[in-house]
């Protein structure tokens, strides 16, 4: 009884109230952290979607153009070597990925043909470098 009076007058600390306050504070802190985690997750998902859209809008056309150029180079090299255009590889053979492989041999797979293709691309690259570096 005396202890209750001292607590009521504020002369003594209420241990039960202190424990309840700590539990309430911990629960409030946990709720605040979960709210922040949810907000951060929403921001993260938005950033991912924005990054995907940026890649599609800005880098996608460049990647598509480079791939088309590589396929064209393959067809032109094949025509120059064999005199006719190649048949487009079907999906089981690898499709256009087969043509994008830089060291892929042409159909009559002889060592000479592969070396010839290498030198064809090598000479084209060298000539383009000579043109671009000629002004130095």
N, C-alpha and C. Protein backbone atom coordinates (compact mmCIF):
# COMPACT_ATOMS: atom_id res chain seq x y z
N UNK A 1 0.81 -1.20 0.00
CA UNK A 1 0.00 0.00 0.00
C UNK A 1 0.86 1.26 0.00
N UNK A 2 1.86 1.26 0.84
CA UNK A 2 2.72 2.42 0.91
C UNK A 2 3.43 2.62 -0.43
N UNK A 3 3.82 1.51 -1.04
CA UNK A 3 4.51 1.59 -2.32
C UNK A 3 3.61 2.19 -3.40
N UNK A 4 2.34 1.83 -3.39
CA UNK A 4 1.38 2.40 -4.34
C UNK A 4 1.25 3.91 -4.17
N UNK A 5 1.27 4.35 -2.93
CA UNK A 5 1.16 5.78 -2.65
C UNK A 5 2.39 6.53 -3.16
N UNK A 6 3.57 5.92 -2.94
CA UNK A 6 4.80 6.57 -3.42
C UNK A 6 4.82 6.65 -4.94
N UNK A 7 4.32 5.61 -5.58
CA UNK A 7 4.25 5.63 -7.05
C UNK A 7 3.26 6.69 -7.51
N UNK A 8 2.10 6.78 -6.80
CA UNK A 8 1.08 7.76 -7.15
C UNK A 8 1.61 9.18 -7.00
N UNK A 9 2.40 9.42 -5.97
CA UNK A 9 2.94 10.75 -5.74
C UNK A 9 4.14 11.06 -6.65
N UNK A 10 4.64 10.05 -7.36
CA UNK A 10 5.76 10.27 -8.25
C UNK A 10 7.09 10.20 -7.55
N UNK A 11 7.09 9.71 -6.34
CA UNK A 11 8.33 9.62 -5.58
C UNK A 11 9.06 8.30 -5.85
N UNK A 12 8.37 7.36 -6.47
CA UNK A 12 8.98 6.09 -6.79
C UNK A 12 8.55 5.69 -8.21
N UNK A 13 9.46 5.01 -8.95
CA UNK A 13 9.17 4.61 -10.32
C UNK A 13 8.26 3.39 -10.35
N UNK A 14 7.38 3.39 -11.30
CA UNK A 14 6.50 2.24 -11.50
C UNK A 14 7.20 1.28 -12.47
N UNK A 15 7.66 0.15 -11.95
CA UNK A 15 8.42 -0.80 -12.77
C UNK A 15 7.55 -1.44 -13.83
N UNK A 16 6.28 -1.71 -13.49
CA UNK A 16 5.38 -2.31 -14.47
C UNK A 16 5.15 -1.37 -15.65
N UNK A 17 4.95 -0.09 -15.36
CA UNK A 17 4.72 0.88 -16.43
C UNK A 17 5.96 1.03 -17.31
N UNK A 18 7.14 0.95 -16.70
CA UNK A 18 8.37 1.08 -17.46
C UNK A 18 8.51 -0.08 -18.44
N UNK A 19 8.18 -1.29 -18.02
CA UNK A 19 8.25 -2.46 -18.90
C UNK A 19 7.25 -2.33 -20.05
N UNK A 20 6.04 -1.87 -19.74
CA UNK A 20 5.01 -1.69 -20.77
C UNK A 20 5.44 -0.61 -21.76
N UNK A 21 6.04 0.46 -21.28
CA UNK A 21 6.52 1.52 -22.16
C UNK A 21 7.62 1.01 -23.11
N UNK A 22 8.52 0.18 -22.60
CA UNK A 22 9.57 -0.37 -23.45
C UNK A 22 9.00 -1.29 -24.52
N UNK A 23 8.01 -2.08 -24.18
CA UNK A 23 7.39 -2.98 -25.15
C UNK A 23 6.66 -2.17 -26.21
N UNK A 24 5.93 -1.15 -25.79
CA UNK A 24 5.22 -0.30 -26.76
C UNK A 24 6.21 0.42 -27.67
N UNK A 25 7.32 0.89 -27.11
CA UNK A 25 8.34 1.58 -27.91
C UNK A 25 8.96 0.62 -28.94
N UNK A 26 9.23 -0.62 -28.52
CA UNK A 26 9.80 -1.61 -29.43
C UNK A 26 8.82 -1.93 -30.56
N UNK A 27 7.53 -2.07 -30.23
CA UNK A 27 6.53 -2.34 -31.26
C UNK A 27 6.39 -1.17 -32.23
N UNK A 28 6.44 0.05 -31.72
CA UNK A 28 6.35 1.23 -32.57
C UNK A 28 7.58 1.32 -33.49
N UNK A 29 8.74 1.01 -32.94
CA UNK A 29 9.96 1.04 -33.74
C UNK A 29 9.90 -0.01 -34.86
N UNK A 30 9.42 -1.20 -34.52
CA UNK A 30 9.29 -2.27 -35.51
C UNK A 30 8.32 -1.87 -36.62
N UNK A 31 7.20 -1.28 -36.23
CA UNK A 31 6.21 -0.85 -37.23
C UNK A 31 6.79 0.23 -38.15
N UNK A 32 7.55 1.16 -37.58
CA UNK A 32 8.17 2.22 -38.37
C UNK A 32 9.19 1.63 -39.35
N UNK A 33 9.98 0.66 -38.88
CA UNK A 33 10.97 0.02 -39.76
C UNK A 33 10.30 -0.73 -40.90
N UNK A 34 9.22 -1.43 -40.61
CA UNK A 34 8.49 -2.15 -41.66
C UNK A 34 7.93 -1.18 -42.70
N UNK A 35 7.43 -0.05 -42.24
CA UNK A 35 6.91 0.96 -43.16
C UNK A 35 8.02 1.47 -44.07
N UNK A 36 9.19 1.74 -43.50
CA UNK A 36 10.33 2.22 -44.28
C UNK A 36 10.78 1.14 -45.27
N UNK A 37 10.77 -0.12 -44.83
CA UNK A 37 11.15 -1.23 -45.73
C UNK A 37 10.19 -1.31 -46.91
N UNK A 38 8.91 -1.17 -46.64
CA UNK A 38 7.91 -1.22 -47.72
C UNK A 38 8.10 -0.06 -48.70
N UNK A 39 8.36 1.13 -48.18
CA UNK A 39 8.60 2.28 -49.05
C UNK A 39 9.85 2.07 -49.91
N UNK A 40 10.91 1.54 -49.29
CA UNK A 40 12.14 1.28 -50.04
C UNK A 40 11.93 0.21 -51.11
N UNK A 41 11.13 -0.80 -50.80
CA UNK A 41 10.84 -1.84 -51.78
C UNK A 41 10.07 -1.27 -52.97
N UNK A 42 9.12 -0.40 -52.70
CA UNK A 42 8.35 0.24 -53.78
C UNK A 42 9.28 1.08 -54.66
N UNK A 43 10.16 1.85 -54.03
CA UNK A 43 11.12 2.66 -54.79
C UNK A 43 12.05 1.78 -55.62
N UNK A 44 12.48 0.66 -55.06
CA UNK A 44 13.36 -0.27 -55.77
C UNK A 44 12.67 -0.84 -57.01
N UNK A 45 11.43 -1.28 -56.86
CA UNK A 45 10.68 -1.83 -57.99
C UNK A 45 10.47 -0.78 -59.08
N UNK A 46 10.21 0.46 -58.68
CA UNK A 46 10.05 1.54 -59.65
C UNK A 46 11.36 1.81 -60.38
N UNK A 47 12.48 1.77 -59.65
CA UNK A 47 13.78 1.99 -60.27
C UNK A 47 14.10 0.89 -61.28
N UNK A 48 13.75 -0.34 -60.95
CA UNK A 48 13.99 -1.44 -61.88
C UNK A 48 13.18 -1.25 -63.15
N UNK A 49 11.91 -0.90 -63.01
CA UNK A 49 11.08 -0.72 -64.21
C UNK A 49 11.56 0.47 -65.03
N UNK A 50 12.01 1.54 -64.38
CA UNK A 50 12.56 2.68 -65.12
C UNK A 50 13.84 2.30 -65.85
N UNK A 51 14.68 1.47 -65.22
CA UNK A 51 15.92 1.04 -65.86
C UNK A 51 15.62 0.18 -67.08
N UNK A 52 14.67 -0.72 -66.96
CA UNK A 52 14.28 -1.54 -68.11
C UNK A 52 13.78 -0.67 -69.25
N UNK A 53 12.96 0.30 -68.92
CA UNK A 53 12.42 1.18 -69.96
C UNK A 53 13.52 2.00 -70.61
N UNK A 54 14.48 2.46 -69.82
CA UNK A 54 15.62 3.21 -70.35
C UNK A 54 16.41 2.36 -71.32
N UNK A 55 16.66 1.12 -70.95
CA UNK A 55 17.41 0.22 -71.83
C UNK A 55 16.63 -0.02 -73.12
N UNK A 56 15.33 -0.25 -72.99
CA UNK A 56 14.52 -0.47 -74.20
C UNK A 56 14.50 0.75 -75.10
N UNK A 57 14.38 1.93 -74.51
CA UNK A 57 14.26 3.16 -75.29
C UNK A 57 15.59 3.63 -75.88
N UNK A 58 16.66 3.56 -75.10
CA UNK A 58 17.92 4.16 -75.54
C UNK A 58 18.89 3.14 -76.10
N UNK A 59 19.13 2.05 -75.39
CA UNK A 59 20.14 1.09 -75.81
C UNK A 59 19.58 0.02 -76.74
N UNK A 60 18.30 -0.25 -76.65
CA UNK A 60 17.68 -1.29 -77.47
C UNK A 60 17.85 -1.05 -78.96
N UNK A 61 17.53 0.14 -79.47
CA UNK A 61 17.71 0.38 -80.90
C UNK A 61 19.16 0.24 -81.36
N UNK A 62 20.10 0.66 -80.52
CA UNK A 62 21.51 0.51 -80.87
C UNK A 62 21.91 -0.95 -80.95
N UNK A 63 21.43 -1.75 -79.99
CA UNK A 63 21.74 -3.17 -79.99
C UNK A 63 21.12 -3.86 -81.21
N UNK A 64 19.90 -3.47 -81.53
CA UNK A 64 19.22 -4.05 -82.69
C UNK A 64 19.97 -3.71 -83.98
N UNK A 65 20.40 -2.47 -84.10
CA UNK A 65 21.11 -2.03 -85.30
C UNK A 65 22.45 -2.77 -85.44
N UNK A 66 23.17 -2.94 -84.33
CA UNK A 66 24.44 -3.65 -84.37
C UNK A 66 24.23 -5.10 -84.78
N UNK A 67 23.20 -5.74 -84.25
CA UNK A 67 22.91 -7.12 -84.60
C UNK A 67 22.57 -7.24 -86.08
N UNK A 68 21.76 -6.32 -86.58
CA UNK A 68 21.41 -6.34 -88.00
C UNK A 68 22.65 -6.15 -88.87
N UNK A 69 23.55 -5.26 -88.45
CA UNK A 69 24.78 -5.05 -89.21
C UNK A 69 25.64 -6.31 -89.23
N UNK A 70 25.71 -7.00 -88.08
CA UNK A 70 26.49 -8.24 -88.03
C UNK A 70 25.92 -9.30 -88.96
N UNK A 71 24.60 -9.41 -88.99
CA UNK A 71 23.96 -10.39 -89.87
C UNK A 71 24.22 -10.01 -91.32
N UNK A 72 24.12 -8.74 -91.65
CA UNK A 72 24.40 -8.29 -93.02
C UNK A 72 25.84 -8.61 -93.42
N UNK A 73 26.78 -8.36 -92.50
CA UNK A 73 28.18 -8.66 -92.79
C UNK A 73 28.36 -10.15 -93.07
N UNK A 74 27.69 -10.98 -92.30
CA UNK A 74 27.79 -12.42 -92.52
C UNK A 74 27.28 -12.79 -93.91
N UNK A 75 26.11 -12.26 -94.27
CA UNK A 75 25.55 -12.58 -95.58
C UNK A 75 26.44 -12.09 -96.71
N UNK A 76 26.97 -10.87 -96.57
CA UNK A 76 27.84 -10.33 -97.62
C UNK A 76 29.15 -11.11 -97.74
N UNK A 77 29.73 -11.49 -96.61
CA UNK A 77 30.96 -12.27 -96.64
C UNK A 77 30.71 -13.63 -97.28
N UNK A 78 29.58 -14.24 -96.94
CA UNK A 78 29.23 -15.54 -97.51
C UNK A 78 29.05 -15.43 -99.02
N UNK A 79 28.37 -14.37 -99.45
CA UNK A 79 28.13 -14.18 -100.89
C UNK A 79 29.44 -13.91 -101.62
N UNK A 80 30.32 -13.15 -101.00
CA UNK A 80 31.60 -12.84 -101.64
C UNK A 80 32.47 -14.09 -101.75
N UNK A 81 32.40 -14.97 -100.76
CA UNK A 81 33.21 -16.18 -100.76
C UNK A 81 32.67 -17.24 -101.72
N UNK A 82 31.34 -17.46 -101.67
CA UNK A 82 30.75 -18.57 -102.41
C UNK A 82 29.93 -18.15 -103.62
N UNK A 83 29.67 -16.87 -103.77
CA UNK A 83 28.93 -16.39 -104.92
C UNK A 83 27.42 -16.44 -104.78
N UNK A 84 26.93 -16.89 -103.66
CA UNK A 84 25.48 -16.90 -103.44
C UNK A 84 25.20 -16.65 -101.97
N UNK A 85 23.98 -16.22 -101.69
CA UNK A 85 23.60 -15.96 -100.31
C UNK A 85 23.33 -17.27 -99.59
N UNK A 86 23.65 -17.32 -98.29
CA UNK A 86 23.40 -18.55 -97.53
C UNK A 86 21.94 -18.68 -97.16
N UNK A 87 21.57 -19.89 -96.78
CA UNK A 87 20.23 -20.14 -96.27
C UNK A 87 20.24 -19.75 -94.79
N UNK A 88 19.20 -19.03 -94.37
CA UNK A 88 19.12 -18.60 -92.98
C UNK A 88 19.00 -19.83 -92.09
N UNK A 89 19.87 -20.00 -91.07
CA UNK A 89 19.80 -21.18 -90.21
C UNK A 89 18.47 -21.24 -89.45
N UNK A 90 17.90 -22.45 -89.37
CA UNK A 90 16.64 -22.57 -88.61
C UNK A 90 16.93 -22.58 -87.12
N UNK A 91 15.88 -22.67 -86.32
CA UNK A 91 16.01 -22.54 -84.88
C UNK A 91 16.85 -23.67 -84.28
N UNK A 92 16.72 -24.90 -84.81
CA UNK A 92 17.49 -26.02 -84.28
C UNK A 92 18.99 -25.85 -84.53
N UNK A 93 19.32 -25.18 -85.62
CA UNK A 93 20.73 -24.95 -85.96
C UNK A 93 21.32 -23.75 -85.22
N UNK A 94 20.48 -22.98 -84.57
CA UNK A 94 20.98 -21.84 -83.82
C UNK A 94 20.46 -20.51 -84.30
N UNK A 95 19.77 -20.47 -85.42
CA UNK A 95 19.19 -19.23 -85.93
C UNK A 95 20.23 -18.17 -86.20
N UNK A 96 19.85 -16.92 -85.95
CA UNK A 96 20.76 -15.82 -86.24
C UNK A 96 21.95 -15.81 -85.29
N UNK A 97 21.83 -16.44 -84.12
CA UNK A 97 22.96 -16.51 -83.20
C UNK A 97 24.12 -17.26 -83.84
N UNK A 98 23.82 -18.21 -84.69
CA UNK A 98 24.86 -18.95 -85.40
C UNK A 98 25.64 -18.02 -86.32
N UNK A 99 24.95 -17.08 -86.92
CA UNK A 99 25.62 -16.15 -87.83
C UNK A 99 26.40 -15.09 -87.06
N UNK A 100 26.03 -14.81 -85.84
CA UNK A 100 26.69 -13.75 -85.08
C UNK A 100 27.98 -14.23 -84.44
N UNK A 101 28.22 -15.54 -84.45
CA UNK A 101 29.47 -16.07 -83.94
C UNK A 101 30.59 -15.63 -84.89
N UNK A 102 31.57 -14.85 -84.43
CA UNK A 102 32.53 -14.25 -85.34
C UNK A 102 33.46 -15.25 -86.03
N UNK A 103 33.72 -16.40 -85.46
CA UNK A 103 34.66 -17.34 -86.05
C UNK A 103 33.94 -18.53 -86.69
N UNK A 104 32.68 -18.35 -87.04
CA UNK A 104 31.92 -19.45 -87.63
C UNK A 104 32.38 -19.70 -89.05
N UNK A 105 32.71 -20.95 -89.37
CA UNK A 105 33.13 -21.24 -90.74
C UNK A 105 31.93 -21.25 -91.67
N UNK A 106 32.19 -21.01 -92.93
CA UNK A 106 31.14 -21.05 -93.94
C UNK A 106 30.83 -22.51 -94.28
N UNK A 107 29.70 -22.77 -94.96
CA UNK A 107 29.26 -24.14 -95.19
C UNK A 107 30.30 -25.12 -95.69
N UNK A 108 31.05 -24.85 -96.79
CA UNK A 108 32.08 -25.83 -97.12
C UNK A 108 33.21 -25.65 -96.10
N UNK A 109 33.09 -26.33 -94.99
CA UNK A 109 33.97 -26.06 -93.85
C UNK A 109 35.36 -26.63 -94.09
N UNK A 110 36.13 -25.88 -94.79
CA UNK A 110 37.53 -26.23 -94.95
C UNK A 110 38.35 -25.19 -94.21
N UNK A 111 39.52 -25.57 -93.83
CA UNK A 111 40.38 -24.66 -93.09
C UNK A 111 40.68 -23.42 -93.92
N UNK A 112 40.86 -23.59 -95.21
CA UNK A 112 41.16 -22.48 -96.10
C UNK A 112 40.03 -21.46 -96.12
N UNK A 113 38.77 -21.93 -96.16
CA UNK A 113 37.63 -21.03 -96.18
C UNK A 113 37.55 -20.23 -94.89
N UNK A 114 37.77 -20.90 -93.74
CA UNK A 114 37.73 -20.20 -92.46
C UNK A 114 38.81 -19.15 -92.38
N UNK A 115 40.00 -19.48 -92.82
CA UNK A 115 41.09 -18.52 -92.81
C UNK A 115 40.79 -17.36 -93.76
N UNK A 116 40.20 -17.67 -94.90
CA UNK A 116 39.85 -16.64 -95.87
C UNK A 116 38.83 -15.66 -95.27
N UNK A 117 37.84 -16.19 -94.55
CA UNK A 117 36.85 -15.32 -93.91
C UNK A 117 37.52 -14.44 -92.87
N UNK A 118 38.44 -15.05 -92.11
CA UNK A 118 39.15 -14.27 -91.10
C UNK A 118 39.90 -13.12 -91.76
N UNK A 119 40.63 -13.41 -92.82
CA UNK A 119 41.39 -12.36 -93.50
C UNK A 119 40.48 -11.34 -94.18
N UNK A 120 39.30 -11.78 -94.62
CA UNK A 120 38.35 -10.85 -95.21
C UNK A 120 37.94 -9.80 -94.17
N UNK A 121 37.52 -10.27 -92.99
CA UNK A 121 37.12 -9.33 -91.94
C UNK A 121 38.31 -8.53 -91.43
N UNK A 122 39.47 -9.18 -91.37
CA UNK A 122 40.68 -8.50 -90.91
C UNK A 122 41.06 -7.38 -91.87
N UNK A 123 41.01 -7.67 -93.18
CA UNK A 123 41.38 -6.65 -94.15
C UNK A 123 40.36 -5.51 -94.17
N UNK A 124 39.06 -5.84 -94.01
CA UNK A 124 38.05 -4.78 -93.95
C UNK A 124 38.30 -3.87 -92.75
N UNK A 125 38.61 -4.48 -91.61
CA UNK A 125 38.87 -3.70 -90.39
C UNK A 125 40.11 -2.83 -90.58
N UNK A 126 41.16 -3.41 -91.15
CA UNK A 126 42.39 -2.65 -91.37
C UNK A 126 42.16 -1.47 -92.31
N UNK A 127 41.41 -1.71 -93.38
CA UNK A 127 41.18 -0.61 -94.32
C UNK A 127 40.34 0.49 -93.69
N UNK A 128 39.36 0.12 -92.87
CA UNK A 128 38.57 1.16 -92.21
C UNK A 128 39.42 1.93 -91.20
N UNK A 129 40.33 1.23 -90.53
CA UNK A 129 41.23 1.92 -89.59
C UNK A 129 42.19 2.84 -90.34
N UNK A 130 42.69 2.39 -91.47
CA UNK A 130 43.59 3.25 -92.26
C UNK A 130 42.88 4.54 -92.69
N UNK A 131 41.61 4.38 -93.11
CA UNK A 131 40.86 5.57 -93.53
C UNK A 131 40.65 6.51 -92.37
N UNK A 132 40.29 5.97 -91.20
CA UNK A 132 40.01 6.84 -90.06
C UNK A 132 41.27 7.44 -89.48
N UNK A 133 42.40 6.77 -89.63
CA UNK A 133 43.64 7.27 -89.06
C UNK A 133 44.48 8.04 -90.09
N UNK A 134 44.02 8.13 -91.31
CA UNK A 134 44.83 8.74 -92.37
C UNK A 134 45.05 10.25 -92.15
N UNK A 135 44.17 10.88 -91.42
CA UNK A 135 44.33 12.32 -91.23
C UNK A 135 45.33 12.67 -90.15
N UNK A 136 45.89 11.69 -89.45
CA UNK A 136 46.88 11.98 -88.39
C UNK A 136 48.27 12.09 -88.95
